[in-house]
Amino acid sequence: ARVIDTAFGGRMGRWSMRRSSFREDGQPHQLIVITDLSRALREEERQAWKRLIRVMGHELNNSLAPIRSISSSLDNLLTREPRPDDWEADLHSGLGIIQSRAESLSRFMEAYSRL
């Protein structure tokens, strides 16, 4: 089979062309089968996009969930009166985790943009 990109039957597309030989009543004949691959390729591309979006959504949520949780905890910590003795250490630790997750997310997005 050979795949070609051309206009055929009034439509531009990607086509598969197969040729086979056969005999009928002792006479040799050639049969050419032309198949439109465009629809199948579009579906394959759509599935690839869906997989990519699913992976990106998963990775985004992996970074955003702890950022959301820790920022909420830090907000509660800062509004608490009286604040616990170690509140500054908790604040620095939480901000460090948020920074780390944000950097990880940034590296992930940079890596995907280079694909």
PDB file of N, CA and C in Angstrom:
ATOM      1  N   ALA A   1       0.846  -1.187   0.000  1.00  0.00           N
ATOM      2  CA  ALA A   1       0.000   0.000   0.000  1.00  0.00           C
ATOM      3  C   ALA A   1       0.884   1.241   0.000  1.00  0.00           C
ATOM      4  N   ARG A   2       0.403   2.244  -0.660  1.00  0.00           N
ATOM      5  CA  ARG A   2       1.108   3.513  -0.738  1.00  0.00           C
ATOM      6  C   ARG A   2       0.156   4.601  -0.266  1.00  0.00           C
ATOM      7  N   VAL A   3       0.670   5.545   0.513  1.00  0.00           N
ATOM      8  CA  VAL A   3      -0.151   6.651   1.014  1.00  0.00           C
ATOM      9  C   VAL A   3       0.251   7.910   0.266  1.00  0.00           C
ATOM     10  N   ILE A   4      -0.757   8.625  -0.244  1.00  0.00           N
ATOM     11  CA  ILE A   4      -0.490   9.866  -0.972  1.00  0.00           C
ATOM     12  C   ILE A   4      -1.431  10.963  -0.489  1.00  0.00           C
ATOM     13  N   ASP A   5      -0.938  12.185  -0.543  1.00  0.00           N
ATOM     14  CA  ASP A   5      -1.758  13.367  -0.266  1.00  0.00           C
ATOM     15  C   ASP A   5      -2.045  14.021  -1.608  1.00  0.00           C
ATOM     16  N   THR A   6      -3.311  14.005  -1.995  1.00  0.00           N
ATOM     17  CA  THR A   6      -3.677  14.577  -3.296  1.00  0.00           C
ATOM     18  C   THR A   6      -5.178  14.831  -3.349  1.00  0.00           C
ATOM     19  N   ALA A   7      -5.590  15.543  -4.376  1.00  0.00           N
ATOM     20  CA  ALA A   7      -7.022  15.733  -4.611  1.00  0.00           C
ATOM     21  C   ALA A   7      -7.499  14.542  -5.435  1.00  0.00           C
ATOM     22  N   PHE A   8      -8.556  13.930  -4.960  1.00  0.00           N
ATOM     23  CA  PHE A   8      -9.111  12.784  -5.670  1.00  0.00           C
ATOM     24  C   PHE A   8     -10.616  12.824  -5.490  1.00  0.00           C
ATOM     25  N   GLY A   9     -11.338  12.659  -6.544  1.00  0.00           N
ATOM     26  CA  GLY A   9     -12.792  12.719  -6.455  1.00  0.00           C
ATOM     27  C   GLY A   9     -13.278  14.083  -6.015  1.00  0.00           C
ATOM     28  N   GLY A  10     -12.503  15.130  -6.343  1.00  0.00           N
ATOM     29  CA  GLY A  10     -12.902  16.481  -5.984  1.00  0.00           C
ATOM     30  C   GLY A  10     -12.559  16.876  -4.559  1.00  0.00           C
ATOM     31  N   ARG A  11     -11.886  15.984  -3.819  1.00  0.00           N
ATOM     32  CA  ARG A  11     -11.551  16.282  -2.417  1.00  0.00           C
ATOM     33  C   ARG A  11     -10.059  16.113  -2.184  1.00  0.00           C
ATOM     34  N   MET A  12      -9.492  17.094  -1.496  1.00  0.00           N
ATOM     35  CA  MET A  12      -8.096  16.977  -1.082  1.00  0.00           C
ATOM     36  C   MET A  12      -8.075  16.101   0.152  1.00  0.00           C
ATOM     37  N   GLY A  13      -7.136  15.200   0.213  1.00  0.00           N
ATOM     38  CA  GLY A  13      -7.053  14.342   1.383  1.00  0.00           C
ATOM     39  C   GLY A  13      -5.864  13.419   1.313  1.00  0.00           C
ATOM     40  N   ARG A  14      -5.811  12.531   2.273  1.00  0.00           N
ATOM     41  CA  ARG A  14      -4.775  11.507   2.335  1.00  0.00           C
ATOM     42  C   ARG A  14      -5.433  10.197   1.947  1.00  0.00           C
ATOM     43  N   TRP A  15      -4.823   9.533   0.995  1.00  0.00           N
ATOM     44  CA  TRP A  15      -5.414   8.338   0.418  1.00  0.00           C
ATOM     45  C   TRP A  15      -4.432   7.174   0.475  1.00  0.00           C
ATOM     46  N   SER A  16      -4.959   5.990   0.680  1.00  0.00           N
ATOM     47  CA  SER A  16      -4.174   4.761   0.594  1.00  0.00           C
ATOM     48  C   SER A  16      -4.489   4.122  -0.753  1.00  0.00           C
ATOM     49  N   MET A  17      -3.439   3.742  -1.467  1.00  0.00           N
ATOM     50  CA  MET A  17      -3.635   3.080  -2.764  1.00  0.00           C
ATOM     51  C   MET A  17      -2.976   1.702  -2.700  1.00  0.00           C
ATOM     52  N   ARG A  18      -3.780   0.684  -3.011  1.00  0.00           N
ATOM     53  CA  ARG A  18      -3.275  -0.689  -3.061  1.00  0.00           C
ATOM     54  C   ARG A  18      -3.576  -1.250  -4.438  1.00  0.00           C
ATOM     55  N   ARG A  19      -2.628  -2.009  -4.933  1.00  0.00           N
ATOM     56  CA  ARG A  19      -2.823  -2.627  -6.239  1.00  0.00           C
ATOM     57  C   ARG A  19      -2.590  -4.126  -6.089  1.00  0.00           C
ATOM     58  N   SER A  20      -3.450  -4.886  -6.711  1.00  0.00           N
ATOM     59  CA  SER A  20      -3.254  -6.337  -6.718  1.00  0.00           C
ATOM     60  C   SER A  20      -3.614  -6.877  -8.097  1.00  0.00           C
ATOM     61  N   SER A  21      -3.034  -7.996  -8.392  1.00  0.00           N
ATOM     62  CA  SER A  21      -3.268  -8.644  -9.691  1.00  0.00           C
ATOM     63  C   SER A  21      -4.195  -9.831  -9.495  1.00  0.00           C
ATOM     64  N   PHE A  22      -5.011 -10.076 -10.502  1.00  0.00           N
ATOM     65  CA  PHE A  22      -5.861 -11.265 -10.477  1.00  0.00           C
ATOM     66  C   PHE A  22      -6.137 -11.675 -11.917  1.00  0.00           C
ATOM     67  N   ARG A  23      -6.622 -12.876 -12.043  1.00  0.00           N
ATOM     68  CA  ARG A  23      -6.969 -13.390 -13.375  1.00  0.00           C
ATOM     69  C   ARG A  23      -8.458 -13.686 -13.403  1.00  0.00           C
ATOM     70  N   GLU A  24      -9.043 -13.348 -14.509  1.00  0.00           N
ATOM     71  CA  GLU A  24     -10.446 -13.681 -14.738  1.00  0.00           C
ATOM     72  C   GLU A  24     -10.538 -14.193 -16.173  1.00  0.00           C
ATOM     73  N   ASP A  25     -11.110 -15.369 -16.287  1.00  0.00           N
ATOM     74  CA  ASP A  25     -11.201 -16.026 -17.599  1.00  0.00           C
ATOM     75  C   ASP A  25      -9.833 -16.100 -18.282  1.00  0.00           C
ATOM     76  N   GLY A  26      -8.806 -16.344 -17.467  1.00  0.00           N
ATOM     77  CA  GLY A  26      -7.459 -16.491 -18.006  1.00  0.00           C
ATOM     78  C   GLY A  26      -6.773 -15.188 -18.349  1.00  0.00           C
ATOM     79  N   GLN A  27      -7.454 -14.084 -18.195  1.00  0.00           N
ATOM     80  CA  GLN A  27      -6.879 -12.781 -18.529  1.00  0.00           C
ATOM     81  C   GLN A  27      -6.354 -12.093 -17.254  1.00  0.00           C
ATOM     82  N   PRO A  28      -5.137 -11.551 -17.302  1.00  0.00           N
ATOM     83  CA  PRO A  28      -4.613 -10.828 -16.138  1.00  0.00           C
ATOM     84  C   PRO A  28      -5.281  -9.450 -16.020  1.00  0.00           C
ATOM     85  N   HIS A  29      -5.570  -9.080 -14.799  1.00  0.00           N
ATOM     86  CA  HIS A  29      -6.172  -7.769 -14.514  1.00  0.00           C
ATOM     87  C   HIS A  29      -5.472  -7.152 -13.303  1.00  0.00           C
ATOM     88  N   GLN A  30      -5.573  -5.861 -13.209  1.00  0.00           N
ATOM     89  CA  GLN A  30      -5.062  -5.119 -12.055  1.00  0.00           C
ATOM     90  C   GLN A  30      -6.258  -4.495 -11.334  1.00  0.00           C
ATOM     91  N   LEU A  31      -6.274  -4.654 -10.030  1.00  0.00           N
ATOM     92  CA  LEU A  31      -7.315  -4.032  -9.215  1.00  0.00           C
ATOM     93  C   LEU A  31      -6.636  -2.973  -8.355  1.00  0.00           C
ATOM     94  N   ILE A  32      -7.132  -1.764  -8.443  1.00  0.00           N
ATOM     95  CA  ILE A  32      -6.597  -0.671  -7.627  1.00  0.00           C
ATOM     96  C   ILE A  32      -7.684  -0.269  -6.640  1.00  0.00           C
ATOM     97  N   VAL A  33      -7.327  -0.299  -5.358  1.00  0.00           N
ATOM     98  CA  VAL A  33      -8.258   0.077  -4.290  1.00  0.00           C
ATOM     99  C   VAL A  33      -7.747   1.375  -3.676  1.00  0.00           C
ATOM    100  N   ILE A  34      -8.607   2.385  -3.674  1.00  0.00           N
ATOM    101  CA  ILE A  34      -8.256   3.692  -3.115  1.00  0.00           C
ATOM    102  C   ILE A  34      -9.154   3.932  -1.906  1.00  0.00           C
ATOM    103  N   THR A  35      -8.510   4.208  -0.771  1.00  0.00           N
ATOM    104  CA  THR A  35      -9.243   4.395   0.480  1.00  0.00           C
ATOM    105  C   THR A  35      -8.919   5.769   1.057  1.00  0.00           C
ATOM    106  N   ASP A  36      -9.948   6.500   1.470  1.00  0.00           N
ATOM    107  CA  ASP A  36      -9.763   7.808   2.102  1.00  0.00           C
ATOM    108  C   ASP A  36      -9.330   7.587   3.548  1.00  0.00           C
ATOM    109  N   LEU A  37      -8.140   8.052   3.902  1.00  0.00           N
ATOM    110  CA  LEU A  37      -7.616   7.898   5.258  1.00  0.00           C
ATOM    111  C   LEU A  37      -7.871   9.123   6.128  1.00  0.00           C
ATOM    112  N   SER A  38      -8.381  10.192   5.552  1.00  0.00           N
ATOM    113  CA  SER A  38      -8.506  11.463   6.272  1.00  0.00           C
ATOM    114  C   SER A  38      -9.331  11.342   7.545  1.00  0.00           C
ATOM    115  N   ARG A  39     -10.469  10.685   7.479  1.00  0.00           N
ATOM    116  CA  ARG A  39     -11.337  10.578   8.657  1.00  0.00           C
ATOM    117  C   ARG A  39     -10.643   9.792   9.766  1.00  0.00           C
ATOM    118  N   ALA A  40     -10.018   8.678   9.407  1.00  0.00           N
ATOM    119  CA  ALA A  40      -9.320   7.867  10.408  1.00  0.00           C
ATOM    120  C   ALA A  40      -8.165   8.646  11.027  1.00  0.00           C
ATOM    121  N   LEU A  41      -7.447   9.405  10.218  1.00  0.00           N
ATOM    122  CA  LEU A  41      -6.333  10.195  10.741  1.00  0.00           C
ATOM    123  C   LEU A  41      -6.826  11.319  11.644  1.00  0.00           C
ATOM    124  N   ARG A  42      -7.937  11.945  11.275  1.00  0.00           N
ATOM    125  CA  ARG A  42      -8.509  12.998  12.135  1.00  0.00           C
ATOM    126  C   ARG A  42      -8.907  12.422  13.484  1.00  0.00           C
ATOM    127  N   GLU A  43      -9.500  11.241  13.482  1.00  0.00           N
ATOM    128  CA  GLU A  43      -9.908  10.602  14.733  1.00  0.00           C
ATOM    129  C   GLU A  43      -8.680  10.246  15.566  1.00  0.00           C
ATOM    130  N   GLU A  44      -7.650   9.754  14.917  1.00  0.00           N
ATOM    131  CA  GLU A  44      -6.413   9.421  15.629  1.00  0.00           C
ATOM    132  C   GLU A  44      -5.797  10.672  16.251  1.00  0.00           C
ATOM    133  N   GLU A  45      -5.806  11.771  15.502  1.00  0.00           N
ATOM    134  CA  GLU A  45      -5.277  13.031  16.022  1.00  0.00           C
ATOM    135  C   GLU A  45      -6.130  13.530  17.191  1.00  0.00           C
ATOM    136  N   ARG A  46      -7.434  13.403  17.081  1.00  0.00           N
ATOM    137  CA  ARG A  46      -8.331  13.821  18.166  1.00  0.00           C
ATOM    138  C   ARG A  46      -8.052  13.016  19.434  1.00  0.00           C
ATOM    139  N   GLN A  47      -7.839  11.724  19.277  1.00  0.00           N
ATOM    140  CA  GLN A  47      -7.534  10.877  20.434  1.00  0.00           C
ATOM    141  C   GLN A  47      -6.193  11.271  21.058  1.00  0.00           C
ATOM    142  N   ALA A  48      -5.215  11.607  20.231  1.00  0.00           N
ATOM    143  CA  ALA A  48      -3.911  12.036  20.744  1.00  0.00           C
ATOM    144  C   ALA A  48      -4.050  13.339  21.535  1.00  0.00           C
ATOM    145  N   TRP A  49      -4.858  14.274  21.024  1.00  0.00           N
ATOM    146  CA  TRP A  49      -5.093  15.527  21.751  1.00  0.00           C
ATOM    147  C   TRP A  49      -5.784  15.258  23.082  1.00  0.00           C
ATOM    148  N   LYS A  50      -6.749  14.352  23.089  1.00  0.00           N
ATOM    149  CA  LYS A  50      -7.449  14.024  24.334  1.00  0.00           C
ATOM    150  C   LYS A  50      -6.480  13.448  25.360  1.00  0.00           C
ATOM    151  N   ARG A  51      -5.572  12.562  24.911  1.00  0.00           N
ATOM    152  CA  ARG A  51      -4.586  11.983  25.834  1.00  0.00           C
ATOM    153  C   ARG A  51      -3.664  13.067  26.381  1.00  0.00           C
ATOM    154  N   LEU A  52      -3.223  13.973  25.504  1.00  0.00           N
ATOM    155  CA  LEU A  52      -2.344  15.052  25.930  1.00  0.00           C
ATOM    156  C   LEU A  52      -3.037  15.946  26.957  1.00  0.00           C
ATOM    157  N   ILE A  53      -4.273  16.297  26.699  1.00  0.00           N
ATOM    158  CA  ILE A  53      -5.023  17.156  27.622  1.00  0.00           C
ATOM    159  C   ILE A  53      -5.229  16.454  28.961  1.00  0.00           C
ATOM    160  N   ARG A  54      -5.489  15.151  28.917  1.00  0.00           N
ATOM    161  CA  ARG A  54      -5.662  14.386  30.156  1.00  0.00           C
ATOM    162  C   ARG A  54      -4.373  14.394  30.981  1.00  0.00           C
ATOM    163  N   VAL A  55      -3.227  14.170  30.338  1.00  0.00           N
ATOM    164  CA  VAL A  55      -1.937  14.175  31.039  1.00  0.00           C
ATOM    165  C   VAL A  55      -1.654  15.557  31.611  1.00  0.00           C
ATOM    166  N   MET A  56      -1.881  16.594  30.804  1.00  0.00           N
ATOM    167  CA  MET A  56      -1.619  17.949  31.288  1.00  0.00           C
ATOM    168  C   MET A  56      -2.537  18.307  32.452  1.00  0.00           C
ATOM    169  N   GLY A  57      -3.798  17.935  32.369  1.00  0.00           N
ATOM    170  CA  GLY A  57      -4.725  18.195  33.472  1.00  0.00           C
ATOM    171  C   GLY A  57      -4.290  17.498  34.746  1.00  0.00           C
ATOM    172  N   HIS A  58      -3.845  16.260  34.612  1.00  0.00           N
ATOM    173  CA  HIS A  58      -3.373  15.499  35.771  1.00  0.00           C
ATOM    174  C   HIS A  58      -2.158  16.182  36.403  1.00  0.00           C
ATOM    175  N   GLU A  59      -1.195  16.568  35.577  1.00  0.00           N
ATOM    176  CA  GLU A  59       0.012  17.220  36.087  1.00  0.00           C
ATOM    177  C   GLU A  59      -0.301  18.580  36.706  1.00  0.00           C
ATOM    178  N   LEU A  60      -1.194  19.331  36.091  1.00  0.00           N
ATOM    179  CA  LEU A  60      -1.589  20.622  36.669  1.00  0.00           C
ATOM    180  C   LEU A  60      -2.229  20.424  38.039  1.00  0.00           C
ATOM    181  N   ASN A  61      -3.129  19.461  38.133  1.00  0.00           N
ATOM    182  CA  ASN A  61      -3.783  19.204  39.418  1.00  0.00           C
ATOM    183  C   ASN A  61      -2.806  18.708  40.467  1.00  0.00           C
ATOM    184  N   ASN A  62      -1.796  17.919  40.055  1.00  0.00           N
ATOM    185  CA  ASN A  62      -0.787  17.449  41.008  1.00  0.00           C
ATOM    186  C   ASN A  62      -0.041  18.609  41.650  1.00  0.00           C
ATOM    187  N   SER A  63       0.154  19.689  40.928  1.00  0.00           N
ATOM    188  CA  SER A  63       0.832  20.852  41.488  1.00  0.00           C
ATOM    189  C   SER A  63      -0.134  21.814  42.161  1.00  0.00           C
ATOM    190  N   LEU A  64      -1.317  21.978  41.596  1.00  0.00           N
ATOM    191  CA  LEU A  64      -2.250  22.969  42.145  1.00  0.00           C
ATOM    192  C   LEU A  64      -2.917  22.520  43.443  1.00  0.00           C
ATOM    193  N   ALA A  65      -3.157  21.232  43.598  1.00  0.00           N
ATOM    194  CA  ALA A  65      -3.830  20.757  44.823  1.00  0.00           C
ATOM    195  C   ALA A  65      -3.032  21.113  46.077  1.00  0.00           C
ATOM    196  N   PRO A  66      -1.720  20.808  46.146  1.00  0.00           N
ATOM    197  CA  PRO A  66      -0.990  21.207  47.353  1.00  0.00           C
ATOM    198  C   PRO A  66      -0.857  22.722  47.493  1.00  0.00           C
ATOM    199  N   ILE A  67      -0.750  23.440  46.388  1.00  0.00           N
ATOM    200  CA  ILE A  67      -0.676  24.903  46.474  1.00  0.00           C
ATOM    201  C   ILE A  67      -1.962  25.446  47.089  1.00  0.00           C
ATOM    202  N   ARG A  68      -3.089  24.944  46.625  1.00  0.00           N
ATOM    203  CA  ARG A  68      -4.390  25.381  47.142  1.00  0.00           C
ATOM    204  C   ARG A  68      -4.527  25.032  48.628  1.00  0.00           C
ATOM    205  N   SER A  69      -4.164  23.811  48.978  1.00  0.00           N
ATOM    206  CA  SER A  69      -4.301  23.345  50.359  1.00  0.00           C
ATOM    207  C   SER A  69      -3.389  24.122  51.312  1.00  0.00           C
ATOM    208  N   ILE A  70      -2.126  24.264  50.931  1.00  0.00           N
ATOM    209  CA  ILE A  70      -1.170  24.944  51.813  1.00  0.00           C
ATOM    210  C   ILE A  70      -1.490  26.426  51.923  1.00  0.00           C
ATOM    211  N   SER A  71      -1.884  27.056  50.830  1.00  0.00           N
ATOM    212  CA  SER A  71      -2.218  28.485  50.916  1.00  0.00           C
ATOM    213  C   SER A  71      -3.427  28.704  51.820  1.00  0.00           C
ATOM    214  N   SER A  72      -4.383  27.780  51.784  1.00  0.00           N
ATOM    215  CA  SER A  72      -5.540  27.873  52.681  1.00  0.00           C
ATOM    216  C   SER A  72      -5.106  27.702  54.135  1.00  0.00           C
ATOM    217  N   SER A  73      -4.228  26.739  54.382  1.00  0.00           N
ATOM    218  CA  SER A  73      -3.728  26.525  55.750  1.00  0.00           C
ATOM    219  C   SER A  73      -2.955  27.737  56.247  1.00  0.00           C
ATOM    220  N   LEU A  74      -2.149  28.330  55.376  1.00  0.00           N
ATOM    221  CA  LEU A  74      -1.385  29.514  55.782  1.00  0.00           C
ATOM    222  C   LEU A  74      -2.309  30.694  56.048  1.00  0.00           C
ATOM    223  N   ASP A  75      -3.359  30.820  55.268  1.00  0.00           N
ATOM    224  CA  ASP A  75      -4.336  31.882  55.505  1.00  0.00           C
ATOM    225  C   ASP A  75      -4.981  31.708  56.883  1.00  0.00           C
ATOM    226  N   ASN A  76      -5.350  30.466  57.193  1.00  0.00           N
ATOM    227  CA  ASN A  76      -5.928  30.195  58.521  1.00  0.00           C
ATOM    228  C   ASN A  76      -4.921  30.488  59.626  1.00  0.00           C
ATOM    229  N   LEU A  77      -3.664  30.134  59.389  1.00  0.00           N
ATOM    230  CA  LEU A  77      -2.617  30.379  60.378  1.00  0.00           C
ATOM    231  C   LEU A  77      -2.481  31.868  60.668  1.00  0.00           C
ATOM    232  N   LEU A  78      -2.524  32.689  59.630  1.00  0.00           N
ATOM    233  CA  LEU A  78      -2.325  34.129  59.815  1.00  0.00           C
ATOM    234  C   LEU A  78      -3.531  34.826  60.437  1.00  0.00           C
ATOM    235  N   THR A  79      -4.711  34.225  60.327  1.00  0.00           N
ATOM    236  CA  THR A  79      -5.897  34.856  60.925  1.00  0.00           C
ATOM    237  C   THR A  79      -6.163  34.348  62.339  1.00  0.00           C
ATOM    238  N   ARG A  80      -5.402  33.363  62.772  1.00  0.00           N
ATOM    239  CA  ARG A  80      -5.597  32.789  64.102  1.00  0.00           C
ATOM    240  C   ARG A  80      -5.029  33.731  65.168  1.00  0.00           C
ATOM    241  N   GLU A  81      -5.772  33.890  66.234  1.00  0.00           N
ATOM    242  CA  GLU A  81      -5.307  34.690  67.377  1.00  0.00           C
ATOM    243  C   GLU A  81      -5.512  33.889  68.649  1.00  0.00           C
ATOM    244  N   PRO A  82      -4.562  33.710  69.449  1.00  0.00           N
ATOM    245  CA  PRO A  82      -3.166  34.085  69.220  1.00  0.00           C
ATOM    246  C   PRO A  82      -2.511  33.079  68.270  1.00  0.00           C
ATOM    247  N   ARG A  83      -1.498  33.515  67.594  1.00  0.00           N
ATOM    248  CA  ARG A  83      -0.771  32.625  66.680  1.00  0.00           C
ATOM    249  C   ARG A  83       0.090  31.663  67.495  1.00  0.00           C
ATOM    250  N   PRO A  84       0.269  30.453  66.942  1.00  0.00           N
ATOM    251  CA  PRO A  84       1.137  29.504  67.648  1.00  0.00           C
ATOM    252  C   PRO A  84       2.584  30.017  67.678  1.00  0.00           C
ATOM    253  N   ASP A  85       3.360  29.483  68.604  1.00  0.00           N
ATOM    254  CA  ASP A  85       4.745  29.938  68.756  1.00  0.00           C
ATOM    255  C   ASP A  85       5.578  29.717  67.489  1.00  0.00           C
ATOM    256  N   ASP A  86       5.311  28.633  66.784  1.00  0.00           N
ATOM    257  CA  ASP A  86       6.128  28.302  65.605  1.00  0.00           C
ATOM    258  C   ASP A  86       5.488  28.764  64.292  1.00  0.00           C
ATOM    259  N   TRP A  87       4.621  29.757  64.338  1.00  0.00           N
ATOM    260  CA  TRP A  87       3.887  30.155  63.144  1.00  0.00           C
ATOM    261  C   TRP A  87       4.800  30.646  62.027  1.00  0.00           C
ATOM    262  N   GLU A  88       5.895  31.328  62.382  1.00  0.00           N
ATOM    263  CA  GLU A  88       6.803  31.819  61.340  1.00  0.00           C
ATOM    264  C   GLU A  88       7.488  30.664  60.615  1.00  0.00           C
ATOM    265  N   ALA A  89       7.872  29.627  61.342  1.00  0.00           N
ATOM    266  CA  ALA A  89       8.491  28.451  60.715  1.00  0.00           C
ATOM    267  C   ALA A  89       7.484  27.767  59.791  1.00  0.00           C
ATOM    268  N   ASP A  90       6.230  27.662  60.264  1.00  0.00           N
ATOM    269  CA  ASP A  90       5.189  27.064  59.418  1.00  0.00           C
ATOM    270  C   ASP A  90       4.958  27.897  58.156  1.00  0.00           C
ATOM    271  N   LEU A  91       4.971  29.208  58.313  1.00  0.00           N
ATOM    272  CA  LEU A  91       4.772  30.102  57.170  1.00  0.00           C
ATOM    273  C   LEU A  91       5.891  29.922  56.143  1.00  0.00           C
ATOM    274  N   HIS A  92       7.135  29.933  56.612  1.00  0.00           N
ATOM    275  CA  HIS A  92       8.273  29.753  55.692  1.00  0.00           C
ATOM    276  C   HIS A  92       8.235  28.384  55.020  1.00  0.00           C
ATOM    277  N   SER A  93       7.908  27.361  55.786  1.00  0.00           N
ATOM    278  CA  SER A  93       7.834  26.008  55.224  1.00  0.00           C
ATOM    279  C   SER A  93       6.744  25.923  54.154  1.00  0.00           C
ATOM    280  N   GLY A  94       5.575  26.448  54.466  1.00  0.00           N
ATOM    281  CA  GLY A  94       4.462  26.419  53.513  1.00  0.00           C
ATOM    282  C   GLY A  94       4.768  27.191  52.246  1.00  0.00           C
ATOM    283  N   LEU A  95       5.363  28.379  52.409  1.00  0.00           N
ATOM    284  CA  LEU A  95       5.726  29.171  51.228  1.00  0.00           C
ATOM    285  C   LEU A  95       6.794  28.461  50.395  1.00  0.00           C
ATOM    286  N   GLY A  96       7.702  27.755  51.062  1.00  0.00           N
ATOM    287  CA  GLY A  96       8.721  26.981  50.342  1.00  0.00           C
ATOM    288  C   GLY A  96       8.100  25.872  49.510  1.00  0.00           C
ATOM    289  N   ILE A  97       7.105  25.200  50.077  1.00  0.00           N
ATOM    290  CA  ILE A  97       6.417  24.134  49.337  1.00  0.00           C
ATOM    291  C   ILE A  97       5.669  24.720  48.142  1.00  0.00           C
ATOM    292  N   ILE A  98       4.984  25.832  48.350  1.00  0.00           N
ATOM    293  CA  ILE A  98       4.266  26.486  47.245  1.00  0.00           C
ATOM    294  C   ILE A  98       5.247  26.875  46.145  1.00  0.00           C
ATOM    295  N   GLN A  99       6.378  27.450  46.521  1.00  0.00           N
ATOM    296  CA  GLN A  99       7.384  27.840  45.534  1.00  0.00           C
ATOM    297  C   GLN A  99       7.901  26.622  44.779  1.00  0.00           C
ATOM    298  N   SER A 100       8.178  25.543  45.491  1.00  0.00           N
ATOM    299  CA  SER A 100       8.679  24.319  44.861  1.00  0.00           C
ATOM    300  C   SER A 100       7.669  23.749  43.867  1.00  0.00           C
ATOM    301  N   ARG A 101       6.397  23.700  44.264  1.00  0.00           N
ATOM    302  CA  ARG A 101       5.360  23.171  43.365  1.00  0.00           C
ATOM    303  C   ARG A 101       5.190  24.070  42.140  1.00  0.00           C
ATOM    304  N   ALA A 102       5.259  25.386  42.348  1.00  0.00           N
ATOM    305  CA  ALA A 102       5.130  26.317  41.222  1.00  0.00           C
ATOM    306  C   ALA A 102       6.312  26.159  40.261  1.00  0.00           C
ATOM    307  N   GLU A 103       7.516  25.978  40.795  1.00  0.00           N
ATOM    308  CA  GLU A 103       8.688  25.767  39.937  1.00  0.00           C
ATOM    309  C   GLU A 103       8.566  24.453  39.175  1.00  0.00           C
ATOM    310  N   SER A 104       8.088  23.419  39.851  1.00  0.00           N
ATOM    311  CA  SER A 104       7.886  22.123  39.198  1.00  0.00           C
ATOM    312  C   SER A 104       6.878  22.251  38.058  1.00  0.00           C
ATOM    313  N   LEU A 105       5.806  22.950  38.305  1.00  0.00           N
ATOM    314  CA  LEU A 105       4.785  23.173  37.284  1.00  0.00           C
ATOM    315  C   LEU A 105       5.364  23.967  36.108  1.00  0.00           C
ATOM    316  N   SER A 106       6.169  24.952  36.405  1.00  0.00           N
ATOM    317  CA  SER A 106       6.793  25.751  35.352  1.00  0.00           C
ATOM    318  C   SER A 106       7.729  24.891  34.502  1.00  0.00           C
ATOM    319  N   ARG A 107       8.524  24.024  35.137  1.00  0.00           N
ATOM    320  CA  ARG A 107       9.417  23.128  34.385  1.00  0.00           C
ATOM    321  C   ARG A 107       8.613  22.177  33.504  1.00  0.00           C
ATOM    322  N   PHE A 108       7.520  21.665  34.042  1.00  0.00           N
ATOM    323  CA  PHE A 108       6.664  20.761  33.271  1.00  0.00           C
ATOM    324  C   PHE A 108       6.137  21.460  32.025  1.00  0.00           C
ATOM    325  N   MET A 109       5.635  22.685  32.186  1.00  0.00           N
ATOM    326  CA  MET A 109       5.077  23.422  31.053  1.00  0.00           C
ATOM    327  C   MET A 109       6.173  23.762  30.033  1.00  0.00           C
ATOM    328  N   GLU A 110       7.367  24.103  30.503  1.00  0.00           N
ATOM    329  CA  GLU A 110       8.476  24.378  29.585  1.00  0.00           C
ATOM    330  C   GLU A 110       8.832  23.132  28.788  1.00  0.00           C
ATOM    331  N   ALA A 111       8.871  21.983  29.456  1.00  0.00           N
ATOM    332  CA  ALA A 111       9.203  20.727  28.775  1.00  0.00           C
ATOM    333  C   ALA A 111       8.165  20.413  27.701  1.00  0.00           C
ATOM    334  N   TYR A 112       6.893  20.596  28.011  1.00  0.00           N
ATOM    335  CA  TYR A 112       5.847  20.334  27.022  1.00  0.00           C
ATOM    336  C   TYR A 112       5.909  21.318  25.863  1.00  0.00           C
ATOM    337  N   SER A 113       6.292  22.552  26.140  1.00  0.00           N
ATOM    338  CA  SER A 113       6.336  23.542  25.057  1.00  0.00           C
ATOM    339  C   SER A 113       7.465  23.250  24.080  1.00  0.00           C
ATOM    340  N   ARG A 114       8.458  22.452  24.500  1.00  0.00           N
ATOM    341  CA  ARG A 114       9.571  22.106  23.617  1.00  0.00           C
ATOM    342  C   ARG A 114       9.290  20.878  22.766  1.00  0.00           C
ATOM    343  N   LEU A 115       8.172  20.198  22.992  1.00  0.00           N
ATOM    344  CA  LEU A 115       7.870  18.992  22.210  1.00  0.00           C
ATOM    345  C   LEU A 115       7.556  19.319  20.770  1.00  0.00           C
TER     346      LEU A 115
END
